[in-house]
Every structure is written in C-alpha cells, then in structure tokens.
PDB file of N, CA and C in Angstrom:
ATOM      1  N   MET A   1      -3.071 -20.789  -2.946  1.00  0.00           N
ATOM      2  CA  MET A   1      -2.586 -19.403  -2.441  1.00  0.00           C
ATOM      3  C   MET A   1      -1.659 -18.851  -3.202  1.00  0.00           C
ATOM      4  N   SER A   2      -1.732 -18.739  -4.299  1.00  0.00           N
ATOM      5  CA  SER A   2      -0.947 -17.834  -4.880  1.00  0.00           C
ATOM      6  C   SER A   2      -2.442 -16.867  -5.797  1.00  0.00           C
ATOM      7  N   SER A   3      -3.254 -17.978  -5.984  1.00  0.00           N
ATOM      8  CA  SER A   3      -4.445 -16.976  -6.502  1.00  0.00           C
ATOM      9  C   SER A   3      -4.806 -15.869  -5.587  1.00  0.00           C
ATOM     10  N   PHE A   4      -5.204 -16.612  -4.184  1.00  0.00           N
ATOM     11  CA  PHE A   4      -5.387 -15.563  -3.001  1.00  0.00           C
ATOM     12  C   PHE A   4      -4.495 -14.325  -2.914  1.00  0.00           C
ATOM     13  N   LEU A   5      -3.226 -14.571  -3.404  1.00  0.00           N
ATOM     14  CA  LEU A   5      -2.159 -13.316  -3.456  1.00  0.00           C
ATOM     15  C   LEU A   5      -2.460 -12.308  -4.417  1.00  0.00           C
ATOM     16  N   PHE A   6      -2.851 -13.050  -5.689  1.00  0.00           N
ATOM     17  CA  PHE A   6      -3.514 -12.618  -6.704  1.00  0.00           C
ATOM     18  C   PHE A   6      -4.301 -11.488  -6.604  1.00  0.00           C
ATOM     19  N   PHE A   7      -4.977 -11.571  -5.770  1.00  0.00           N
ATOM     20  CA  PHE A   7      -6.513 -10.589  -5.368  1.00  0.00           C
ATOM     21  C   PHE A   7      -6.319  -9.329  -4.184  1.00  0.00           C
ATOM     22  N   LEU A   8      -4.978 -10.142  -3.058  1.00  0.00           N
ATOM     23  CA  LEU A   8      -4.866  -9.055  -2.200  1.00  0.00           C
ATOM     24  C   LEU A   8      -3.569  -8.045  -2.889  1.00  0.00           C
ATOM     25  N   ILE A   9      -3.021  -8.342  -3.955  1.00  0.00           N
ATOM     26  CA  ILE A   9      -2.178  -7.281  -4.352  1.00  0.00           C
ATOM     27  C   ILE A   9      -2.814  -6.145  -4.985  1.00  0.00           C
ATOM     28  N   PRO A  10      -3.669  -6.332  -5.634  1.00  0.00           N
ATOM     29  CA  PRO A  10      -4.560  -5.067  -6.203  1.00  0.00           C
ATOM     30  C   PRO A  10      -5.316  -4.283  -4.667  1.00  0.00           C
ATOM     31  N   ILE A  11      -5.608  -4.853  -4.029  1.00  0.00           N
ATOM     32  CA  ILE A  11      -6.460  -4.077  -2.557  1.00  0.00           C
ATOM     33  C   ILE A  11      -5.068  -3.488  -1.893  1.00  0.00           C
ATOM     34  N   GLY A  12      -4.134  -3.761  -1.671  1.00  0.00           N
ATOM     35  CA  GLY A  12      -2.771  -3.268  -1.284  1.00  0.00           C
ATOM     36  C   GLY A  12      -2.571  -1.813  -2.076  1.00  0.00           C
ATOM     37  N   LEU A  13      -2.622  -2.026  -3.482  1.00  0.00           N
ATOM     38  CA  LEU A  13      -2.194  -0.973  -4.137  1.00  0.00           C
ATOM     39  C   LEU A  13      -3.437   0.045  -4.000  1.00  0.00           C
ATOM     40  N   PHE A  14      -4.427  -0.178  -4.068  1.00  0.00           N
ATOM     41  CA  PHE A  14      -5.630   0.850  -3.938  1.00  0.00           C
ATOM     42  C   PHE A  14      -5.671   1.273  -2.461  1.00  0.00           C
ATOM     43  N   ALA A  15      -4.761   0.597  -1.285  1.00  0.00           N
ATOM     44  CA  ALA A  15      -4.790   1.062  -0.179  1.00  0.00           C
ATOM     45  C   ALA A  15      -3.867   2.005  -0.203  1.00  0.00           C
ATOM     46  N   THR A  16      -3.049   1.775  -1.002  1.00  0.00           N
ATOM     47  CA  THR A  16      -1.535   2.708  -0.766  1.00  0.00           C
ATOM     48  C   THR A  16      -1.865   4.005  -1.839  1.00  0.00           C
ATOM     49  N   LEU A  17      -2.674   3.787  -2.502  1.00  0.00           N
ATOM     50  CA  LEU A  17      -3.275   4.821  -3.358  1.00  0.00           C
ATOM     51  C   LEU A  17      -4.410   6.020  -2.806  1.00  0.00           C
ATOM     52  N   ALA A  18      -4.720   5.276  -1.794  1.00  0.00           N
ATOM     53  CA  ALA A  18      -5.939   6.268  -1.232  1.00  0.00           C
ATOM     54  C   ALA A  18      -5.062   6.833  -0.182  1.00  0.00           C
ATOM     55  N   VAL A  19      -4.369   6.636   0.390  1.00  0.00           N
ATOM     56  CA  VAL A  19      -3.550   6.717   1.665  1.00  0.00           C
ATOM     57  C   VAL A  19      -2.591   7.766   0.642  1.00  0.00           C
ATOM     58  N   LEU A  20      -2.035   7.953  -0.061  1.00  0.00           N
ATOM     59  CA  LEU A  20      -1.520   8.985  -0.963  1.00  0.00           C
ATOM     60  C   LEU A  20      -1.763   9.779  -1.534  1.00  0.00           C
ATOM     61  N   GLY A  21      -3.594   9.768  -1.657  1.00  0.00           N
ATOM     62  CA  GLY A  21      -4.517  10.925  -1.987  1.00  0.00           C
ATOM     63  C   GLY A  21      -4.769  11.648  -1.024  1.00  0.00           C
ATOM     64  N   VAL A  22      -5.162  10.941   0.094  1.00  0.00           N
ATOM     65  CA  VAL A  22      -5.333  11.680   1.506  1.00  0.00           C
ATOM     66  C   VAL A  22      -4.574  12.716   1.940  1.00  0.00           C
ATOM     67  N   GLY A  23      -2.979  12.238   1.614  1.00  0.00           N
ATOM     68  CA  GLY A  23      -1.904  12.891   2.328  1.00  0.00           C
ATOM     69  C   GLY A  23      -1.760  13.569   1.364  1.00  0.00           C
ATOM     70  N   ILE A  24      -1.497  14.050   0.222  1.00  0.00           N
ATOM     71  CA  ILE A  24      -1.536  15.202  -0.996  1.00  0.00           C
ATOM     72  C   ILE A  24      -2.461  16.204  -0.895  1.00  0.00           C
ATOM     73  N   TYR A  25      -4.044  15.325  -0.538  1.00  0.00           N
ATOM     74  CA  TYR A  25      -5.035  16.582  -0.226  1.00  0.00           C
ATOM     75  C   TYR A  25      -5.139  17.348   0.599  1.00  0.00           C
ATOM     76  N   SER A  26      -4.632  16.583   2.098  1.00  0.00           N
ATOM     77  CA  SER A  26      -4.616  17.315   2.979  1.00  0.00           C
ATOM     78  C   SER A  26      -3.367  18.392   3.079  1.00  0.00           C
ATOM     79  N   LEU A  27      -2.046  17.926   2.558  1.00  0.00           N
ATOM     80  CA  LEU A  27      -1.019  18.780   2.213  1.00  0.00           C
ATOM     81  C   LEU A  27      -1.582  20.184   1.612  1.00  0.00           C
ATOM     82  N   ALA A  28      -2.084  20.211   0.302  1.00  0.00           N
ATOM     83  CA  ALA A  28      -2.716  21.274  -0.610  1.00  0.00           C
ATOM     84  C   ALA A  28      -3.486  21.951   0.059  1.00  0.00           C
ATOM     85  N   LYS A  29      -4.642  21.348   0.980  1.00  0.00           N
ATOM     86  CA  LYS A  29      -5.509  22.409   2.051  1.00  0.00           C
ATOM     87  C   LYS A  29      -4.952  23.050   2.899  1.00  0.00           C
ATOM     88  N   GLY A  30      -3.996  22.451   3.702  1.00  0.00           N
ATOM     89  CA  GLY A  30      -3.315  22.597   4.619  1.00  0.00           C
ATOM     90  C   GLY A  30      -4.114  22.546   6.112  1.00  0.00           C
ATOM     91  N   GLY A  31      -4.075  23.245   6.987  1.00  0.00           N
ATOM     92  CA  GLY A  31      -5.094  23.595   7.818  1.00  0.00           C
ATOM     93  C   GLY A  31      -4.233  22.807   9.039  1.00  0.00           C
ATOM     94  N   ALA A  32      -5.209  22.374  10.218  1.00  0.00           N
ATOM     95  CA  ALA A  32      -4.781  21.602  11.203  1.00  0.00           C
ATOM     96  C   ALA A  32      -4.889  20.172  11.258  1.00  0.00           C
ATOM     97  N   PHE A  33      -5.347  19.646  10.315  1.00  0.00           N
ATOM     98  CA  PHE A  33      -5.650  18.021   9.767  1.00  0.00           C
ATOM     99  C   PHE A  33      -4.125  17.844   9.450  1.00  0.00           C
ATOM    100  N   ALA A  34      -3.474  18.645   8.343  1.00  0.00           N
ATOM    101  CA  ALA A  34      -2.499  18.574   7.916  1.00  0.00           C
ATOM    102  C   ALA A  34      -1.283  18.771   8.528  1.00  0.00           C
ATOM    103  N   LYS A  35      -1.264  19.340   9.870  1.00  0.00           N
ATOM    104  CA  LYS A  35      -0.479  19.455  10.246  1.00  0.00           C
ATOM    105  C   LYS A  35      -0.541  18.498  11.713  1.00  0.00           C
ATOM    106  N   GLU A  36      -1.269  17.969  12.198  1.00  0.00           N
ATOM    107  CA  GLU A  36      -1.474  16.950  12.742  1.00  0.00           C
ATOM    108  C   GLU A  36      -0.923  15.461  12.588  1.00  0.00           C
ATOM    109  N   ASN A  37      -1.450  15.326  10.705  1.00  0.00           N
ATOM    110  CA  ASN A  37      -1.775  14.018  10.444  1.00  0.00           C
ATOM    111  C   ASN A  37      -0.977  13.772   8.981  1.00  0.00           C
ATOM    112  N   SER A  38       0.239  14.462   8.593  1.00  0.00           N
ATOM    113  CA  SER A  38       0.811  14.471   7.352  1.00  0.00           C
ATOM    114  C   SER A  38       1.954  13.386   7.640  1.00  0.00           C
ATOM    115  N   ASN A  39       2.845  13.713   8.891  1.00  0.00           N
ATOM    116  CA  ASN A  39       3.724  12.542   9.284  1.00  0.00           C
ATOM    117  C   ASN A  39       3.172  11.268   9.597  1.00  0.00           C
ATOM    118  N   LYS A  40       2.463  10.943   9.913  1.00  0.00           N
ATOM    119  CA  LYS A  40       1.322   9.139  10.171  1.00  0.00           C
ATOM    120  C   LYS A  40       1.110   9.082   9.021  1.00  0.00           C
ATOM    121  N   LEU A  41       0.125   9.784   8.003  1.00  0.00           N
ATOM    122  CA  LEU A  41      -0.172   9.453   6.710  1.00  0.00           C
ATOM    123  C   LEU A  41       0.875   8.950   5.677  1.00  0.00           C
ATOM    124  N   MET A  42       2.166   9.768   5.899  1.00  0.00           N
ATOM    125  CA  MET A  42       3.358   9.362   5.399  1.00  0.00           C
ATOM    126  C   MET A  42       3.938   8.008   5.862  1.00  0.00           C
ATOM    127  N   ARG A  43       4.334   7.865   6.853  1.00  0.00           N
ATOM    128  CA  ARG A  43       4.460   6.579   7.495  1.00  0.00           C
ATOM    129  C   ARG A  43       3.419   5.399   7.267  1.00  0.00           C
ATOM    130  N   LEU A  44       2.170   5.620   7.380  1.00  0.00           N
ATOM    131  CA  LEU A  44       0.678   4.629   6.681  1.00  0.00           C
ATOM    132  C   LEU A  44       1.262   4.373   5.452  1.00  0.00           C
ATOM    133  N   ARG A  45       1.696   5.007   4.671  1.00  0.00           N
ATOM    134  CA  ARG A  45       1.639   5.072   2.877  1.00  0.00           C
ATOM    135  C   ARG A  45       2.899   4.044   3.319  1.00  0.00           C
ATOM    136  N   VAL A  46       4.257   4.279   3.694  1.00  0.00           N
ATOM    137  CA  VAL A  46       5.298   3.411   3.539  1.00  0.00           C
ATOM    138  C   VAL A  46       4.922   2.197   4.207  1.00  0.00           C
ATOM    139  N   LEU A  47       4.112   2.279   4.639  1.00  0.00           N
ATOM    140  CA  LEU A  47       4.065   0.836   5.611  1.00  0.00           C
ATOM    141  C   LEU A  47       2.863  -0.268   4.516  1.00  0.00           C
ATOM    142  N   ALA A  48       1.991   0.481   3.846  1.00  0.00           N
ATOM    143  CA  ALA A  48       1.085  -0.246   2.878  1.00  0.00           C
ATOM    144  C   ALA A  48       1.880  -0.281   1.176  1.00  0.00           C
ATOM    145  N   GLN A  49       2.927   0.288   1.013  1.00  0.00           N
ATOM    146  CA  GLN A  49       3.689   0.388   0.292  1.00  0.00           C
ATOM    147  C   GLN A  49       4.578  -1.080   0.436  1.00  0.00           C
ATOM    148  N   ALA A  50       5.262  -1.118   1.766  1.00  0.00           N
ATOM    149  CA  ALA A  50       5.846  -2.360   2.044  1.00  0.00           C
ATOM    150  C   ALA A  50       5.255  -3.661   1.898  1.00  0.00           C
ATOM    151  N   ILE A  51       4.277  -3.837   2.258  1.00  0.00           N
ATOM    152  CA  ILE A  51       3.192  -4.563   2.598  1.00  0.00           C
ATOM    153  C   ILE A  51       2.898  -4.961   1.120  1.00  0.00           C
ATOM    154  N   THR A  52       2.413  -4.085   0.567  1.00  0.00           N
ATOM    155  CA  THR A  52       2.347  -4.795  -1.161  1.00  0.00           C
ATOM    156  C   THR A  52       3.566  -5.452  -1.783  1.00  0.00           C
ATOM    157  N   ILE A  53       4.619  -4.798  -2.183  1.00  0.00           N
ATOM    158  CA  ILE A  53       6.131  -5.251  -2.324  1.00  0.00           C
ATOM    159  C   ILE A  53       5.909  -6.414  -2.061  1.00  0.00           C
ATOM    160  N   ALA A  54       6.315  -6.846  -0.527  1.00  0.00           N
ATOM    161  CA  ALA A  54       6.115  -8.014  -0.133  1.00  0.00           C
ATOM    162  C   ALA A  54       5.131  -8.722  -0.758  1.00  0.00           C
ATOM    163  N   LEU A  55       4.108  -9.115  -0.768  1.00  0.00           N
ATOM    164  CA  LEU A  55       2.789  -9.705  -1.106  1.00  0.00           C
ATOM    165  C   LEU A  55       3.643  -9.754  -2.638  1.00  0.00           C
ATOM    166  N   MET A  56       3.797  -8.752  -3.272  1.00  0.00           N
ATOM    167  CA  MET A  56       3.929  -9.353  -4.894  1.00  0.00           C
ATOM    168  C   MET A  56       5.379  -9.975  -5.010  1.00  0.00           C
ATOM    169  N   PHE A  57       6.345  -9.849  -4.316  1.00  0.00           N
ATOM    170  CA  PHE A  57       7.677 -10.743  -4.147  1.00  0.00           C
ATOM    171  C   PHE A  57       6.944 -12.121  -3.733  1.00  0.00           C
ATOM    172  N   LEU A  58       6.164 -12.522  -2.856  1.00  0.00           N
ATOM    173  CA  LEU A  58       5.328 -13.456  -2.364  1.00  0.00           C
ATOM    174  C   LEU A  58       4.861 -14.126  -3.415  1.00  0.00           C
ATOM    175  N   PHE A  59       4.194 -13.290  -4.383  1.00  0.00           N
ATOM    176  CA  PHE A  59       3.392 -13.846  -5.459  1.00  0.00           C
ATOM    177  C   PHE A  59       4.112 -14.068  -6.520  1.00  0.00           C
ATOM    178  N   LEU A  60       5.499 -13.602  -6.704  1.00  0.00           N
ATOM    179  CA  LEU A  60       6.244 -14.362  -7.690  1.00  0.00           C
ATOM    180  C   LEU A  60       7.433 -15.383  -7.288  1.00  0.00           C
ATOM    181  N   PHE A  61       7.415 -15.596  -6.386  1.00  0.00           N
ATOM    182  CA  PHE A  61       8.693 -16.545  -5.647  1.00  0.00           C
ATOM    183  C   PHE A  61       7.439 -18.055  -6.194  1.00  0.00           C
ATOM    184  N   LEU A  62       6.023 -17.401  -4.981  1.00  0.00           N
ATOM    185  CA  LEU A  62       5.318 -18.556  -5.472  1.00  0.00           C
ATOM    186  C   LEU A  62       4.897 -19.305  -6.864  1.00  0.00           C
ATOM    187  N   ILE A  63       4.992 -18.494  -7.831  1.00  0.00           N
ATOM    188  CA  ILE A  63       4.538 -18.513  -9.177  1.00  0.00           C
ATOM    189  C   ILE A  63       6.093 -19.363 -10.283  1.00  0.00           C
ATOM    190  N   GLY A  64       7.142 -18.712  -9.354  1.00  0.00           N
ATOM    191  CA  GLY A  64       8.102 -19.647  -9.748  1.00  0.00           C
ATOM    192  C   GLY A  64       8.818 -20.880  -9.566  1.00  0.00           C
ATOM    193  N   LYS A  65       8.049 -20.940  -8.258  1.00  0.00           N
ATOM    194  CA  LYS A  65       8.305 -22.774  -7.691  1.00  0.00           C
ATOM    195  C   LYS A  65       7.309 -23.521  -8.617  1.00  0.00           C
ATOM    196  N   GLY A  66       5.806 -22.822  -9.282  1.00  0.00           N
ATOM    197  CA  GLY A  66       5.341 -23.828 -10.038  1.00  0.00           C
ATOM    198  C   GLY A  66       5.073 -24.946  -9.460  1.00  0.00           C
ATOM    199  N   PRO A  67       3.877 -25.661 -10.054  1.00  0.00           N
ATOM    200  CA  PRO A  67       3.389 -26.995  -8.820  1.00  0.00           C
ATOM    201  C   PRO A  67       4.332 -28.089  -8.707  1.00  0.00           C
ATOM    202  N   SER A  68       4.246 -28.474  -7.628  1.00  0.00           N
ATOM    203  CA  SER A  68       5.434 -29.590  -7.215  1.00  0.00           C
ATOM    204  C   SER A  68       5.154 -30.537  -6.511  1.00  0.00           C
TER     205      SER A  68
END
C-alpha cells in the first residue's frame, strides 16, 4: 500500500503545479477566462493541495508503523 502511495504523491504534486500554473497564466493574461475561472482554479488548487498533503501524511503514517 505504501508503495502505491509513493507513486500517487508525485501525481498529486504535478496536478497542484499544473492548476497553479494555469491559474497564474490566466490571471497574467486577463480577459474573460480569468474573470470566469480564477475562483474555480483557486479552489481546485486548494483541493489538489489538500489531497496531496493527506496522501503524504498517510504515507508517513504507514511507513512509521513498519511491517507488523
């Protein structure tokens, strides 16, 4: 299970980075897309961050328990 989480964490990090990049780009460019989607992108980034942090804590918890 912990090896599965070990591969999910980078995916979560990349998803967070991708949403953050799209959000920064849209705010820098401006226009209708930024007005319509900036709040949605911020919420999606926070959600991706929360999921990634939860995966990290779960991974650390499972590693700390060790095999028993």
